[in-house]
């Protein structure tokens, strides 16, 4: 079970650090196409900020800020952005993730199209990795049964 601490120091420091951690994670994602880092590293940093939120404020408070359905949507949309970019290159008669083909629809040169294509893939990977990292943490920390799920299952079983 996830422990909800009532320590004001931890909550205050977490509240101050989480926005900066998230900003750094976004920086790593957005600059990953031409510097070290990228979608995976930035996604892990963003996921770590949400895990810190979960540890400092407890499951119920974190759930109200970042619902699990939102994590599911983020992971799906992230994979869709990655795969969609690759399939768009295929539709434009190139190879999968051949970003130079994007120049046809972006009306730019091939080098700039490659940069934008890589950026879109990095954003998709970052979203998916962030959501999956938080989901893995929730599964490990709760044993796969989230708080409140047991009562819902029992009510459903009693009604049937």
C-alpha atoms as a PDB file:
ATOM      1  CA  UNK A   1       0.000   0.000   0.000  1.00  0.00           C
ATOM      2  CA  UNK A   2       1.261   3.489  -0.789  1.00  0.00           C
ATOM      3  CA  UNK A   3       2.057   5.426   2.374  1.00  0.00           C
ATOM      4  CA  UNK A   4       0.665   8.922   2.631  1.00  0.00           C
ATOM      5  CA  UNK A   5       3.056  10.947   4.712  1.00  0.00           C
ATOM      6  CA  UNK A   6       1.865  13.885   6.719  1.00  0.00           C
ATOM      7  CA  UNK A   7       5.318  15.458   6.881  1.00  0.00           C
ATOM      8  CA  UNK A   8       4.965  19.134   5.976  1.00  0.00           C
ATOM      9  CA  UNK A   9       8.636  19.429   5.040  1.00  0.00           C
ATOM     10  CA  UNK A  10       8.430  16.659   2.442  1.00  0.00           C
ATOM     11  CA  UNK A  11       5.221  18.060   0.994  1.00  0.00           C
ATOM     12  CA  UNK A  12       6.579  21.608   0.816  1.00  0.00           C
ATOM     13  CA  UNK A  13       9.888  20.615  -0.779  1.00  0.00           C
ATOM     14  CA  UNK A  14       8.064  18.331  -3.227  1.00  0.00           C
ATOM     15  CA  UNK A  15       5.628  21.088  -4.153  1.00  0.00           C
ATOM     16  CA  UNK A  16       8.593  23.369  -4.888  1.00  0.00           C
ATOM     17  CA  UNK A  17      10.670  20.781  -6.791  1.00  0.00           C
ATOM     18  CA  UNK A  18       8.044  19.043  -8.949  1.00  0.00           C
ATOM     19  CA  UNK A  19       7.520  21.954 -11.400  1.00  0.00           C
ATOM     20  CA  UNK A  20      11.280  22.306 -11.931  1.00  0.00           C
ATOM     21  CA  UNK A  21      11.694  18.552 -12.431  1.00  0.00           C
ATOM     22  CA  UNK A  22       8.870  18.589 -14.985  1.00  0.00           C
ATOM     23  CA  UNK A  23      10.338  21.605 -16.750  1.00  0.00           C
ATOM     24  CA  UNK A  24      13.699  19.844 -16.972  1.00  0.00           C
ATOM     25  CA  UNK A  25      12.015  16.707 -18.320  1.00  0.00           C
ATOM     26  CA  UNK A  26      10.302  18.758 -21.020  1.00  0.00           C
ATOM     27  CA  UNK A  27      13.635  20.439 -21.813  1.00  0.00           C
ATOM     28  CA  UNK A  28      15.314  17.056 -22.265  1.00  0.00           C
ATOM     29  CA  UNK A  29      12.516  15.877 -24.574  1.00  0.00           C
ATOM     30  CA  UNK A  30      12.406  19.059 -26.651  1.00  0.00           C
ATOM     31  CA  UNK A  31      16.179  19.236 -27.135  1.00  0.00           C
ATOM     32  CA  UNK A  32      16.708  15.499 -27.643  1.00  0.00           C
ATOM     33  CA  UNK A  33      16.769  15.727 -31.421  1.00  0.00           C
ATOM     34  CA  UNK A  34      20.006  17.709 -31.483  1.00  0.00           C
ATOM     35  CA  UNK A  35      21.633  17.171 -28.084  1.00  0.00           C
ATOM     36  CA  UNK A  36      22.074  14.300 -25.603  1.00  0.00           C
ATOM     37  CA  UNK A  37      18.834  13.078 -24.125  1.00  0.00           C
ATOM     38  CA  UNK A  38      15.512  12.604 -25.769  1.00  0.00           C
ATOM     39  CA  UNK A  39      12.135  11.030 -25.361  1.00  0.00           C
ATOM     40  CA  UNK A  40      13.080   8.127 -23.134  1.00  0.00           C
ATOM     41  CA  UNK A  41      15.220  10.133 -20.718  1.00  0.00           C
ATOM     42  CA  UNK A  42      12.746  13.026 -20.577  1.00  0.00           C
ATOM     43  CA  UNK A  43       9.840  10.610 -20.114  1.00  0.00           C
ATOM     44  CA  UNK A  44      11.597   8.974 -17.174  1.00  0.00           C
ATOM     45  CA  UNK A  45      12.238  12.393 -15.609  1.00  0.00           C
ATOM     46  CA  UNK A  46       8.571  13.374 -16.039  1.00  0.00           C
ATOM     47  CA  UNK A  47       7.507  10.013 -14.622  1.00  0.00           C
ATOM     48  CA  UNK A  48       9.804  10.518 -11.639  1.00  0.00           C
ATOM     49  CA  UNK A  49       8.148  13.867 -10.926  1.00  0.00           C
ATOM     50  CA  UNK A  50       4.730  12.207 -10.869  1.00  0.00           C
ATOM     51  CA  UNK A  51       6.057   9.418  -8.647  1.00  0.00           C
ATOM     52  CA  UNK A  52       7.412  12.069  -6.263  1.00  0.00           C
ATOM     53  CA  UNK A  53       3.940  13.627  -6.244  1.00  0.00           C
ATOM     54  CA  UNK A  54       2.472  10.232  -5.429  1.00  0.00           C
ATOM     55  CA  UNK A  55       4.948   9.584  -2.616  1.00  0.00           C
ATOM     56  CA  UNK A  56       4.597  13.016  -1.045  1.00  0.00           C
ATOM     57  CA  UNK A  57       0.826  13.441  -1.244  1.00  0.00           C
ATOM     58  CA  UNK A  58      -0.502   9.882  -1.301  1.00  0.00           C
ATOM     59  CA  UNK A  59      -2.495   7.967  -3.873  1.00  0.00           C
ATOM     60  CA  UNK A  60      -5.832   9.759  -3.484  1.00  0.00           C
ATOM     61  CA  UNK A  61      -4.418  13.270  -3.906  1.00  0.00           C
ATOM     62  CA  UNK A  62      -2.222  12.212  -6.823  1.00  0.00           C
ATOM     63  CA  UNK A  63      -5.184  10.409  -8.420  1.00  0.00           C
ATOM     64  CA  UNK A  64      -7.213  13.622  -8.325  1.00  0.00           C
ATOM     65  CA  UNK A  65      -4.391  15.485 -10.104  1.00  0.00           C
ATOM     66  CA  UNK A  66      -3.347  12.758 -12.557  1.00  0.00           C
ATOM     67  CA  UNK A  67      -6.078  10.134 -13.063  1.00  0.00           C
ATOM     68  CA  UNK A  68      -5.114   6.676 -14.253  1.00  0.00           C
ATOM     69  CA  UNK A  69      -7.234   7.052 -17.366  1.00  0.00           C
ATOM     70  CA  UNK A  70      -5.089  10.027 -18.319  1.00  0.00           C
ATOM     71  CA  UNK A  71      -1.982   7.833 -18.015  1.00  0.00           C
ATOM     72  CA  UNK A  72      -3.620   5.278 -20.294  1.00  0.00           C
ATOM     73  CA  UNK A  73      -4.451   7.994 -22.816  1.00  0.00           C
ATOM     74  CA  UNK A  74      -0.899   9.386 -22.670  1.00  0.00           C
ATOM     75  CA  UNK A  75       0.653   5.982 -23.302  1.00  0.00           C
ATOM     76  CA  UNK A  76      -1.671   5.327 -26.244  1.00  0.00           C
ATOM     77  CA  UNK A  77      -1.247   8.775 -27.770  1.00  0.00           C
ATOM     78  CA  UNK A  78       2.526   8.566 -27.361  1.00  0.00           C
ATOM     79  CA  UNK A  79       2.698   5.290 -29.261  1.00  0.00           C
ATOM     80  CA  UNK A  80       0.294   6.688 -31.864  1.00  0.00           C
ATOM     81  CA  UNK A  81       2.514   9.760 -32.429  1.00  0.00           C
ATOM     82  CA  UNK A  82       5.586   7.552 -32.844  1.00  0.00           C
ATOM     83  CA  UNK A  83       3.922   5.055 -35.169  1.00  0.00           C
ATOM     84  CA  UNK A  84       1.943   7.761 -36.960  1.00  0.00           C
ATOM     85  CA  UNK A  85       5.108   9.626 -37.858  1.00  0.00           C
ATOM     86  CA  UNK A  86       6.599   6.437 -39.256  1.00  0.00           C
ATOM     87  CA  UNK A  87       3.490   5.535 -41.237  1.00  0.00           C
ATOM     88  CA  UNK A  88       3.227   9.073 -42.562  1.00  0.00           C
ATOM     89  CA  UNK A  89       6.716   8.617 -44.001  1.00  0.00           C
ATOM     90  CA  UNK A  90       5.525   5.354 -45.582  1.00  0.00           C
ATOM     91  CA  UNK A  91       2.484   7.073 -47.084  1.00  0.00           C
ATOM     92  CA  UNK A  92       4.801   9.677 -48.581  1.00  0.00           C
ATOM     93  CA  UNK A  93       6.604   6.809 -50.401  1.00  0.00           C
ATOM     94  CA  UNK A  94       9.610   6.635 -48.099  1.00  0.00           C
ATOM     95  CA  UNK A  95      10.834   4.132 -45.534  1.00  0.00           C
ATOM     96  CA  UNK A  96       9.428   3.862 -42.028  1.00  0.00           C
ATOM     97  CA  UNK A  97      10.703   6.913 -40.082  1.00  0.00           C
ATOM     98  CA  UNK A  98      12.443   8.336 -43.162  1.00  0.00           C
ATOM     99  CA  UNK A  99      11.971  11.895 -41.945  1.00  0.00           C
ATOM    100  CA  UNK A 100      13.236  13.503 -45.145  1.00  0.00           C
ATOM    101  CA  UNK A 101       9.938  12.519 -46.787  1.00  0.00           C
ATOM    102  CA  UNK A 102       8.116  14.869 -44.402  1.00  0.00           C
ATOM    103  CA  UNK A 103       9.590  17.801 -46.358  1.00  0.00           C
ATOM    104  CA  UNK A 104       6.817  17.285 -48.924  1.00  0.00           C
ATOM    105  CA  UNK A 105       4.051  18.200 -46.488  1.00  0.00           C
ATOM    106  CA  UNK A 106       6.008  20.561 -44.242  1.00  0.00           C
ATOM    107  CA  UNK A 107       7.161  22.669 -47.225  1.00  0.00           C
ATOM    108  CA  UNK A 108      10.703  22.894 -45.951  1.00  0.00           C
ATOM    109  CA  UNK A 109      14.098  21.423 -46.766  1.00  0.00           C
ATOM    110  CA  UNK A 110      14.985  17.820 -45.895  1.00  0.00           C
ATOM    111  CA  UNK A 111      17.291  18.727 -42.986  1.00  0.00           C
ATOM    112  CA  UNK A 112      14.612  20.748 -41.214  1.00  0.00           C
ATOM    113  CA  UNK A 113      12.016  18.042 -41.925  1.00  0.00           C
ATOM    114  CA  UNK A 114      14.302  15.449 -40.315  1.00  0.00           C
ATOM    115  CA  UNK A 115      14.666  17.636 -37.243  1.00  0.00           C
ATOM    116  CA  UNK A 116      10.902  18.083 -36.917  1.00  0.00           C
ATOM    117  CA  UNK A 117      10.266  14.387 -37.542  1.00  0.00           C
ATOM    118  CA  UNK A 118      12.701  13.365 -34.838  1.00  0.00           C
ATOM    119  CA  UNK A 119      11.130  15.915 -32.476  1.00  0.00           C
ATOM    120  CA  UNK A 120       7.672  14.441 -33.022  1.00  0.00           C
ATOM    121  CA  UNK A 121       8.978  10.947 -32.308  1.00  0.00           C
ATOM    122  CA  UNK A 122      10.744  12.199 -29.168  1.00  0.00           C
ATOM    123  CA  UNK A 123       7.506  13.775 -27.913  1.00  0.00           C
ATOM    124  CA  UNK A 124       5.601  10.540 -28.520  1.00  0.00           C
ATOM    125  CA  UNK A 125       8.233   8.412 -26.809  1.00  0.00           C
ATOM    126  CA  UNK A 126       8.380  10.824 -23.859  1.00  0.00           C
ATOM    127  CA  UNK A 127       4.618  10.689 -23.336  1.00  0.00           C
ATOM    128  CA  UNK A 128       4.509   6.902 -23.526  1.00  0.00           C
ATOM    129  CA  UNK A 129       7.512   6.357 -21.254  1.00  0.00           C
ATOM    130  CA  UNK A 130       6.197   8.790 -18.626  1.00  0.00           C
ATOM    131  CA  UNK A 131       2.818   7.080 -18.476  1.00  0.00           C
ATOM    132  CA  UNK A 132       4.245   3.568 -18.421  1.00  0.00           C
ATOM    133  CA  UNK A 133       6.804   4.408 -15.718  1.00  0.00           C
ATOM    134  CA  UNK A 134       4.085   5.734 -13.407  1.00  0.00           C
ATOM    135  CA  UNK A 135       1.854   2.747 -14.181  1.00  0.00           C
ATOM    136  CA  UNK A 136       4.685   0.316 -13.408  1.00  0.00           C
ATOM    137  CA  UNK A 137       5.351   2.117 -10.129  1.00  0.00           C
ATOM    138  CA  UNK A 138       1.663   1.901  -9.198  1.00  0.00           C
ATOM    139  CA  UNK A 139       1.542  -1.805 -10.053  1.00  0.00           C
ATOM    140  CA  UNK A 140       4.654  -2.614  -8.032  1.00  0.00           C
ATOM    141  CA  UNK A 141       3.774  -0.461  -5.024  1.00  0.00           C
ATOM    142  CA  UNK A 142       0.170  -1.638  -4.722  1.00  0.00           C
ATOM    143  CA  UNK A 143       0.590  -5.245  -5.780  1.00  0.00           C
ATOM    144  CA  UNK A 144      -1.637  -4.605  -8.786  1.00  0.00           C
ATOM    145  CA  UNK A 145      -4.683  -3.713  -6.670  1.00  0.00           C
ATOM    146  CA  UNK A 146      -5.218   0.011  -6.398  1.00  0.00           C
ATOM    147  CA  UNK A 147      -6.877   1.542  -3.335  1.00  0.00           C
ATOM    148  CA  UNK A 148     -10.643   1.451  -3.724  1.00  0.00           C
ATOM    149  CA  UNK A 149     -10.632  -1.322  -6.340  1.00  0.00           C
ATOM    150  CA  UNK A 150     -11.324  -4.108  -3.840  1.00  0.00           C
ATOM    151  CA  UNK A 151     -14.525  -2.437  -2.637  1.00  0.00           C
ATOM    152  CA  UNK A 152     -15.701  -1.901  -6.225  1.00  0.00           C
ATOM    153  CA  UNK A 153     -15.088  -5.567  -7.085  1.00  0.00           C
ATOM    154  CA  UNK A 154     -16.977  -6.703  -3.990  1.00  0.00           C
ATOM    155  CA  UNK A 155     -19.955  -4.449  -4.799  1.00  0.00           C
ATOM    156  CA  UNK A 156     -20.029  -5.754  -8.358  1.00  0.00           C
ATOM    157  CA  UNK A 157     -19.880  -9.368  -7.130  1.00  0.00           C
ATOM    158  CA  UNK A 158     -22.700  -8.765  -4.624  1.00  0.00           C
ATOM    159  CA  UNK A 159     -24.912  -7.138  -7.253  1.00  0.00           C
ATOM    160  CA  UNK A 160     -24.486 -10.059  -9.675  1.00  0.00           C
END
